[in-house]
Each structure stands twice: as C-alpha cells, then as structure tokens.
Amino acid sequence: MKKLVLLLFLFFGINAFSQTAAAAKEVFEKIKSESQIDGNDKTIYNLLDEFYDKNLQSENDEMTPETIEKIQKLASDSTTKNLHILILFLMYQQHISQTATVGKKPNPDFQIATMRLLEDEIRSVYGKVPAIIYIYKYEALDNGTKKDEAKPVAIQGLKEYPDSVPLKVYTYLNTKDETIKNDLIKNHPNHWMVKQFGIK
C-alpha cells in the first residue's frame, strides 16, 4: 500500500495540462490493482452523490467544509474500499480545477477517457451510475469533438435521475423542449446553472 500512496503523490504532482488519456488509464489501473473492491460498501458511491448534491444540484454550487474533509479523509486512507474510484474522480476534478484556474480549456481526450473509465468501473462495482457521472460525461463529450454523443448521455441521465437540475439544463439546451424549460423557470429559477445559461 506504500506504493499506492507514493503513486498518488507522484500523480498529483503532475501538471494538469500534461495529463493524457493513456496516463489516466495507466494510473487508474495501478491504483485499482492495490484497491479493495467491494460492491457492498457504498461509501464512495454515497460520497459521489453527496458531492453532486452540494456542488451541482444545489442552487448555490457550494461545497461544505464537512464534505471536503470527508473526501480528504477517505482519499488518504489506504484501507478505504473502492478507493480507485474516488482517486480517478479526484484526478478528473484536479484537471478541471487547474485548467479553469489559469483560464485554459480542459483536455477533452483526458476528460472523455476518464469519464468512460469511471462510468464502466462504477457500473461494474455498484451496478448503477450516479447522476454526477452522467453530467461530467456529457460535459466531457460536449467539450470535445463528440458533441453528437453528448446529447443522448444527458437524455439517458435524465431518464434515470428525473429530478436532476443539471441534466434538465443540458437536455433542454440540446432539445429545446419547452416542458423542461418551463419546469426550470418555474421550479428552479435560482439554480446557478439556470442563471449561467440564461434560461428564461
């Protein structure tokens, strides 16, 4: 497990702009080989749901210190089950944050590869994909050259999570469905994404 911790420090020291799809897969496979995989332990799945609720579904896009502390505690504990899923998620978050901080666009190939790895692994371990993965996968595809693949991801995600405001926003932007637009205006006018995309 010492190798895992060393690998994490090495990875997080890598500049976000040099991250590639191949590097993400390689790091993920190494971390996975040292992780305890247990589909009955929902700790990481529930954490992804909590991250989604606080960061994307809530009106103000505000992460609480408690959630941040929980993420840090789980990520730094080598006995955390399904740690490989959390680490891959954090790799993705780091890339998005670092590129946004300096005003650059994320690497779409890295985004797409990471989201596909995450989706496949979460489905394999838990049998279900959380809403945040549909949202991030949509964004990854939409950011890259696969915009035609993005639309069905948002639509499928909304079928599975019909109350998801971000998935409603992305589905509306792609379909111009007036029913979704009216729902957003009536029930979620103060949501940060509704405001960001000027849905009125």
C-alpha atoms as a PDB file:
ATOM      1  CA  MET A   1       0.000   0.000   0.000  1.00  0.00           C
ATOM      2  CA  LYS A   2       3.025   2.280   0.371  1.00  0.00           C
ATOM      3  CA  LYS A   3       3.367   2.110  -3.407  1.00  0.00           C
ATOM      4  CA  LEU A   4      -0.213   3.358  -3.737  1.00  0.00           C
ATOM      5  CA  VAL A   5       0.447   6.402  -1.555  1.00  0.00           C
ATOM      6  CA  LEU A   6       3.680   7.111  -3.459  1.00  0.00           C
ATOM      7  CA  LEU A   7       1.822   6.792  -6.741  1.00  0.00           C
ATOM      8  CA  LEU A   8      -0.813   9.257  -5.571  1.00  0.00           C
ATOM      9  CA  PHE A   9       1.787  11.840  -4.598  1.00  0.00           C
ATOM     10  CA  LEU A  10       3.503  11.327  -7.934  1.00  0.00           C
ATOM     11  CA  PHE A  11       0.276  11.722  -9.849  1.00  0.00           C
ATOM     12  CA  PHE A  12      -0.924  14.802  -8.009  1.00  0.00           C
ATOM     13  CA  GLY A  13       2.462  16.360  -8.648  1.00  0.00           C
ATOM     14  CA  ILE A  14       1.952  16.023 -12.405  1.00  0.00           C
ATOM     15  CA  ASN A  15       0.874  19.216 -14.091  1.00  0.00           C
ATOM     16  CA  ALA A  16      -2.793  19.048 -15.129  1.00  0.00           C
ATOM     17  CA  PHE A  17      -2.006  20.229 -18.644  1.00  0.00           C
ATOM     18  CA  SER A  18       0.178  17.217 -19.371  1.00  0.00           C
ATOM     19  CA  GLN A  19      -2.445  14.669 -18.361  1.00  0.00           C
ATOM     20  CA  THR A  20      -3.379  12.358 -21.183  1.00  0.00           C
ATOM     21  CA  ALA A  21      -5.977   9.646 -21.621  1.00  0.00           C
ATOM     22  CA  ALA A  22      -3.235   6.994 -21.618  1.00  0.00           C
ATOM     23  CA  ALA A  23      -1.700   8.371 -18.417  1.00  0.00           C
ATOM     24  CA  ALA A  24      -5.103   8.392 -16.696  1.00  0.00           C
ATOM     25  CA  LYS A  25      -5.727   4.761 -17.615  1.00  0.00           C
ATOM     26  CA  GLU A  26      -2.247   3.694 -16.516  1.00  0.00           C
ATOM     27  CA  VAL A  27      -2.508   5.419 -13.129  1.00  0.00           C
ATOM     28  CA  PHE A  28      -6.046   4.118 -12.658  1.00  0.00           C
ATOM     29  CA  GLU A  29      -5.037   0.506 -13.371  1.00  0.00           C
ATOM     30  CA  LYS A  30      -2.146   0.731 -10.886  1.00  0.00           C
ATOM     31  CA  ILE A  31      -4.380   2.179  -8.180  1.00  0.00           C
ATOM     32  CA  LYS A  32      -7.118  -0.358  -8.923  1.00  0.00           C
ATOM     33  CA  SER A  33      -4.685  -3.256  -8.579  1.00  0.00           C
ATOM     34  CA  GLU A  34      -3.977  -2.169  -4.989  1.00  0.00           C
ATOM     35  CA  SER A  35      -7.541  -1.220  -4.019  1.00  0.00           C
ATOM     36  CA  GLN A  36     -10.017  -3.293  -2.048  1.00  0.00           C
ATOM     37  CA  ILE A  37     -13.020  -3.646  -4.348  1.00  0.00           C
ATOM     38  CA  ASP A  38     -16.351  -4.258  -2.624  1.00  0.00           C
ATOM     39  CA  GLY A  39     -19.700  -3.590  -4.298  1.00  0.00           C
ATOM     40  CA  ASN A  40     -21.488  -3.862  -0.949  1.00  0.00           C
ATOM     41  CA  ASP A  41     -19.536  -0.930   0.514  1.00  0.00           C
ATOM     42  CA  LYS A  42     -21.390   2.156  -0.734  1.00  0.00           C
ATOM     43  CA  THR A  43     -19.148   4.741   0.976  1.00  0.00           C
ATOM     44  CA  ILE A  44     -17.601   6.071  -2.235  1.00  0.00           C
ATOM     45  CA  TYR A  45     -20.861   5.893  -4.196  1.00  0.00           C
ATOM     46  CA  ASN A  46     -22.616   7.871  -1.453  1.00  0.00           C
ATOM     47  CA  LEU A  47     -19.764  10.389  -1.410  1.00  0.00           C
ATOM     48  CA  LEU A  48     -20.186  10.979  -5.153  1.00  0.00           C
ATOM     49  CA  ASP A  49     -23.899  11.546  -4.540  1.00  0.00           C
ATOM     50  CA  GLU A  50     -23.107  13.986  -1.741  1.00  0.00           C
ATOM     51  CA  PHE A  51     -20.625  15.835  -3.971  1.00  0.00           C
ATOM     52  CA  TYR A  52     -23.336  16.054  -6.638  1.00  0.00           C
ATOM     53  CA  ASP A  53     -25.972  17.291  -4.185  1.00  0.00           C
ATOM     54  CA  LYS A  54     -23.736  20.013  -2.733  1.00  0.00           C
ATOM     55  CA  ASN A  55     -21.890  21.050  -5.876  1.00  0.00           C
ATOM     56  CA  LEU A  56     -24.277  20.596  -8.793  1.00  0.00           C
ATOM     57  CA  GLN A  57     -27.852  20.054  -7.642  1.00  0.00           C
ATOM     58  CA  SER A  58     -27.974  22.797  -5.007  1.00  0.00           C
ATOM     59  CA  GLU A  59     -28.831  26.336  -6.031  1.00  0.00           C
ATOM     60  CA  ASN A  60     -25.548  27.883  -4.943  1.00  0.00           C
ATOM     61  CA  ASP A  61     -22.876  25.391  -6.027  1.00  0.00           C
ATOM     62  CA  GLU A  62     -21.272  25.396  -2.588  1.00  0.00           C
ATOM     63  CA  MET A  63     -19.157  22.597  -1.194  1.00  0.00           C
ATOM     64  CA  THR A  64     -19.265  22.372   2.595  1.00  0.00           C
ATOM     65  CA  PRO A  65     -16.084  22.021   4.671  1.00  0.00           C
ATOM     66  CA  GLU A  66     -17.530  18.773   6.076  1.00  0.00           C
ATOM     67  CA  THR A  67     -17.754  17.212   2.619  1.00  0.00           C
ATOM     68  CA  ILE A  68     -14.244  18.364   1.705  1.00  0.00           C
ATOM     69  CA  GLU A  69     -12.903  16.911   4.950  1.00  0.00           C
ATOM     70  CA  LYS A  70     -14.719  13.626   4.303  1.00  0.00           C
ATOM     71  CA  ILE A  71     -13.232  13.400   0.804  1.00  0.00           C
ATOM     72  CA  GLN A  72      -9.728  14.118   2.095  1.00  0.00           C
ATOM     73  CA  LYS A  73     -10.062  11.579   4.900  1.00  0.00           C
ATOM     74  CA  LEU A  74     -11.276   8.794   2.602  1.00  0.00           C
ATOM     75  CA  ALA A  75      -8.700   9.597  -0.110  1.00  0.00           C
ATOM     76  CA  SER A  76      -5.807   9.497   2.346  1.00  0.00           C
ATOM     77  CA  ASP A  77      -6.873   6.220   3.994  1.00  0.00           C
ATOM     78  CA  SER A  78      -5.364   3.267   2.121  1.00  0.00           C
ATOM     79  CA  THR A  79      -7.972   0.931   3.653  1.00  0.00           C
ATOM     80  CA  THR A  80     -10.887   2.780   2.015  1.00  0.00           C
ATOM     81  CA  LYS A  81     -12.797   0.294  -0.113  1.00  0.00           C
ATOM     82  CA  ASN A  82     -13.173   1.207  -3.785  1.00  0.00           C
ATOM     83  CA  LEU A  83     -10.529   3.905  -3.332  1.00  0.00           C
ATOM     84  CA  HIS A  84      -9.609   3.606  -7.017  1.00  0.00           C
ATOM     85  CA  ILE A  85     -12.978   5.124  -7.976  1.00  0.00           C
ATOM     86  CA  LEU A  86     -12.501   8.102  -5.665  1.00  0.00           C
ATOM     87  CA  ILE A  87      -8.934   8.702  -6.848  1.00  0.00           C
ATOM     88  CA  LEU A  88      -9.959   8.659 -10.515  1.00  0.00           C
ATOM     89  CA  PHE A  89     -12.787  11.082  -9.707  1.00  0.00           C
ATOM     90  CA  LEU A  90     -10.324  13.374  -7.907  1.00  0.00           C
ATOM     91  CA  MET A  91      -7.898  13.180 -10.847  1.00  0.00           C
ATOM     92  CA  TYR A  92     -10.708  14.446 -13.052  1.00  0.00           C
ATOM     93  CA  GLN A  93     -11.620  17.196 -10.579  1.00  0.00           C
ATOM     94  CA  GLN A  94      -7.994  18.276 -10.309  1.00  0.00           C
ATOM     95  CA  HIS A  95      -7.663  18.565 -14.078  1.00  0.00           C
ATOM     96  CA  ILE A  96     -10.839  20.650 -14.393  1.00  0.00           C
ATOM     97  CA  SER A  97      -9.896  22.905 -11.460  1.00  0.00           C
ATOM     98  CA  GLN A  98      -6.310  23.507 -12.545  1.00  0.00           C
ATOM     99  CA  THR A  99      -7.212  24.358 -16.114  1.00  0.00           C
ATOM    100  CA  ALA A 100     -10.071  26.650 -15.019  1.00  0.00           C
ATOM    101  CA  THR A 101      -7.797  28.447 -12.549  1.00  0.00           C
ATOM    102  CA  VAL A 102      -5.491  29.598 -15.341  1.00  0.00           C
ATOM    103  CA  GLY A 103      -8.249  30.191 -17.889  1.00  0.00           C
ATOM    104  CA  LYS A 104      -7.438  27.229 -20.134  1.00  0.00           C
ATOM    105  CA  LYS A 105      -9.803  24.632 -21.571  1.00  0.00           C
ATOM    106  CA  PRO A 106      -9.578  21.099 -20.184  1.00  0.00           C
ATOM    107  CA  ASN A 107      -8.112  18.362 -22.354  1.00  0.00           C
ATOM    108  CA  PRO A 108     -11.241  16.741 -23.897  1.00  0.00           C
ATOM    109  CA  ASP A 109      -9.476  13.439 -24.607  1.00  0.00           C
ATOM    110  CA  PHE A 110      -8.441  13.180 -20.959  1.00  0.00           C
ATOM    111  CA  GLN A 111     -11.972  14.136 -19.836  1.00  0.00           C
ATOM    112  CA  ILE A 112     -13.695  11.596 -22.081  1.00  0.00           C
ATOM    113  CA  ALA A 113     -11.306   8.754 -21.257  1.00  0.00           C
ATOM    114  CA  THR A 114     -11.562   9.437 -17.524  1.00  0.00           C
ATOM    115  CA  MET A 115     -15.345   9.583 -17.554  1.00  0.00           C
ATOM    116  CA  ARG A 116     -15.614   6.380 -19.579  1.00  0.00           C
ATOM    117  CA  LEU A 117     -13.273   4.621 -17.149  1.00  0.00           C
ATOM    118  CA  LEU A 118     -15.279   5.933 -14.196  1.00  0.00           C
ATOM    119  CA  GLU A 119     -18.633   5.009 -15.696  1.00  0.00           C
ATOM    120  CA  ASP A 120     -17.527   1.480 -16.547  1.00  0.00           C
ATOM    121  CA  GLU A 121     -15.879   0.899 -13.174  1.00  0.00           C
ATOM    122  CA  ILE A 122     -18.763   2.287 -11.124  1.00  0.00           C
ATOM    123  CA  ARG A 123     -21.267   0.226 -13.100  1.00  0.00           C
ATOM    124  CA  SER A 124     -19.083  -2.856 -12.632  1.00  0.00           C
ATOM    125  CA  VAL A 125     -18.687  -2.345  -8.878  1.00  0.00           C
ATOM    126  CA  TYR A 126     -22.100  -0.933  -7.930  1.00  0.00           C
ATOM    127  CA  GLY A 127     -24.400  -1.863 -10.814  1.00  0.00           C
ATOM    128  CA  LYS A 128     -25.591   1.739 -11.109  1.00  0.00           C
ATOM    129  CA  VAL A 129     -24.079   5.038 -12.254  1.00  0.00           C
ATOM    130  CA  PRO A 130     -24.581   8.191 -10.139  1.00  0.00           C
ATOM    131  CA  ALA A 131     -26.005  11.376 -11.664  1.00  0.00           C
ATOM    132  CA  ILE A 132     -22.694  13.249 -11.406  1.00  0.00           C
ATOM    133  CA  ILE A 133     -21.056  10.824 -13.839  1.00  0.00           C
ATOM    134  CA  TYR A 134     -23.750  11.445 -16.461  1.00  0.00           C
ATOM    135  CA  ILE A 135     -23.238  15.190 -16.029  1.00  0.00           C
ATOM    136  CA  TYR A 136     -19.448  15.047 -16.245  1.00  0.00           C
ATOM    137  CA  LYS A 137     -19.564  12.613 -19.168  1.00  0.00           C
ATOM    138  CA  TYR A 138     -21.926  14.956 -21.009  1.00  0.00           C
ATOM    139  CA  GLU A 139     -19.576  17.896 -20.359  1.00  0.00           C
ATOM    140  CA  ALA A 140     -16.542  15.892 -21.477  1.00  0.00           C
ATOM    141  CA  LEU A 141     -18.175  14.849 -24.754  1.00  0.00           C
ATOM    142  CA  ASP A 142     -19.612  18.322 -25.347  1.00  0.00           C
ATOM    143  CA  ASN A 143     -16.210  19.923 -24.709  1.00  0.00           C
ATOM    144  CA  GLY A 144     -14.513  17.677 -27.246  1.00  0.00           C
ATOM    145  CA  THR A 145     -15.237  16.610 -30.772  1.00  0.00           C
ATOM    146  CA  LYS A 146     -18.027  14.235 -29.775  1.00  0.00           C
ATOM    147  CA  LYS A 147     -20.916  16.666 -29.325  1.00  0.00           C
ATOM    148  CA  ASP A 148     -23.245  14.257 -31.138  1.00  0.00           C
ATOM    149  CA  GLU A 149     -22.585  11.674 -28.393  1.00  0.00           C
ATOM    150  CA  ALA A 150     -23.243  14.195 -25.609  1.00  0.00           C
ATOM    151  CA  LYS A 151     -26.969  14.678 -26.209  1.00  0.00           C
ATOM    152  CA  PRO A 152     -28.032  11.035 -25.603  1.00  0.00           C
ATOM    153  CA  VAL A 153     -25.934  10.967 -22.403  1.00  0.00           C
ATOM    154  CA  ALA A 154     -27.922  13.885 -20.947  1.00  0.00           C
ATOM    155  CA  ILE A 155     -31.225  12.359 -22.072  1.00  0.00           C
ATOM    156  CA  GLN A 156     -30.387   8.923 -20.602  1.00  0.00           C
ATOM    157  CA  GLY A 157     -29.164  10.510 -17.376  1.00  0.00           C
ATOM    158  CA  LEU A 158     -32.397  12.488 -17.063  1.00  0.00           C
ATOM    159  CA  LYS A 159     -34.427   9.279 -17.510  1.00  0.00           C
ATOM    160  CA  GLU A 160     -32.552   7.771 -14.561  1.00  0.00           C
ATOM    161  CA  TYR A 161     -32.498  10.982 -12.495  1.00  0.00           C
ATOM    162  CA  PRO A 162     -35.635  12.941 -13.475  1.00  0.00           C
ATOM    163  CA  ASP A 163     -35.139  15.499 -10.668  1.00  0.00           C
ATOM    164  CA  SER A 164     -31.584  16.414 -11.692  1.00  0.00           C
ATOM    165  CA  VAL A 165     -31.442  20.121 -12.495  1.00  0.00           C
ATOM    166  CA  PRO A 166     -28.096  19.935 -14.365  1.00  0.00           C
ATOM    167  CA  LEU A 167     -29.392  17.082 -16.542  1.00  0.00           C
ATOM    168  CA  LYS A 168     -32.588  19.049 -17.202  1.00  0.00           C
ATOM    169  CA  VAL A 169     -30.478  22.056 -18.234  1.00  0.00           C
ATOM    170  CA  TYR A 170     -28.280  20.038 -20.599  1.00  0.00           C
ATOM    171  CA  THR A 171     -31.244  18.166 -22.065  1.00  0.00           C
ATOM    172  CA  TYR A 172     -33.091  21.437 -22.622  1.00  0.00           C
ATOM    173  CA  LEU A 173     -30.061  23.051 -24.293  1.00  0.00           C
ATOM    174  CA  ASN A 174     -29.930  20.129 -26.736  1.00  0.00           C
ATOM    175  CA  THR A 175     -33.623  19.579 -27.379  1.00  0.00           C
ATOM    176  CA  LYS A 176     -35.232  22.971 -26.698  1.00  0.00           C
ATOM    177  CA  ASP A 177     -38.047  21.007 -25.028  1.00  0.00           C
ATOM    178  CA  GLU A 178     -40.473  23.667 -23.751  1.00  0.00           C
ATOM    179  CA  THR A 179     -41.756  21.391 -20.969  1.00  0.00           C
ATOM    180  CA  ILE A 180     -38.259  21.151 -19.492  1.00  0.00           C
ATOM    181  CA  LYS A 181     -37.705  24.882 -19.963  1.00  0.00           C
ATOM    182  CA  ASN A 182     -40.968  25.712 -18.169  1.00  0.00           C
ATOM    183  CA  ASP A 183     -40.075  23.352 -15.317  1.00  0.00           C
ATOM    184  CA  LEU A 184     -36.662  25.017 -14.906  1.00  0.00           C
ATOM    185  CA  ILE A 185     -38.137  28.514 -14.956  1.00  0.00           C
ATOM    186  CA  LYS A 186     -40.968  27.649 -12.579  1.00  0.00           C
ATOM    187  CA  ASN A 187     -39.216  25.334 -10.119  1.00  0.00           C
ATOM    188  CA  HIS A 188     -35.503  26.194 -10.350  1.00  0.00           C
ATOM    189  CA  PRO A 189     -35.126  29.860 -11.392  1.00  0.00           C
ATOM    190  CA  ASN A 190     -32.377  30.467  -8.826  1.00  0.00           C
ATOM    191  CA  HIS A 191     -30.262  27.438  -9.664  1.00  0.00           C
ATOM    192  CA  TRP A 192     -26.771  28.539 -10.679  1.00  0.00           C
ATOM    193  CA  MET A 193     -26.883  26.637 -13.990  1.00  0.00           C
ATOM    194  CA  VAL A 194     -30.262  28.067 -14.981  1.00  0.00           C
ATOM    195  CA  LYS A 195     -28.785  31.528 -14.387  1.00  0.00           C
ATOM    196  CA  GLN A 196     -25.479  30.711 -16.085  1.00  0.00           C
ATOM    197  CA  PHE A 197     -27.188  29.576 -19.285  1.00  0.00           C
ATOM    198  CA  GLY A 198     -29.746  32.422 -19.157  1.00  0.00           C
ATOM    199  CA  ILE A 199     -32.791  30.146 -19.277  1.00  0.00           C
ATOM    200  CA  LYS A 200     -35.820  32.472 -19.030  1.00  0.00           C
END
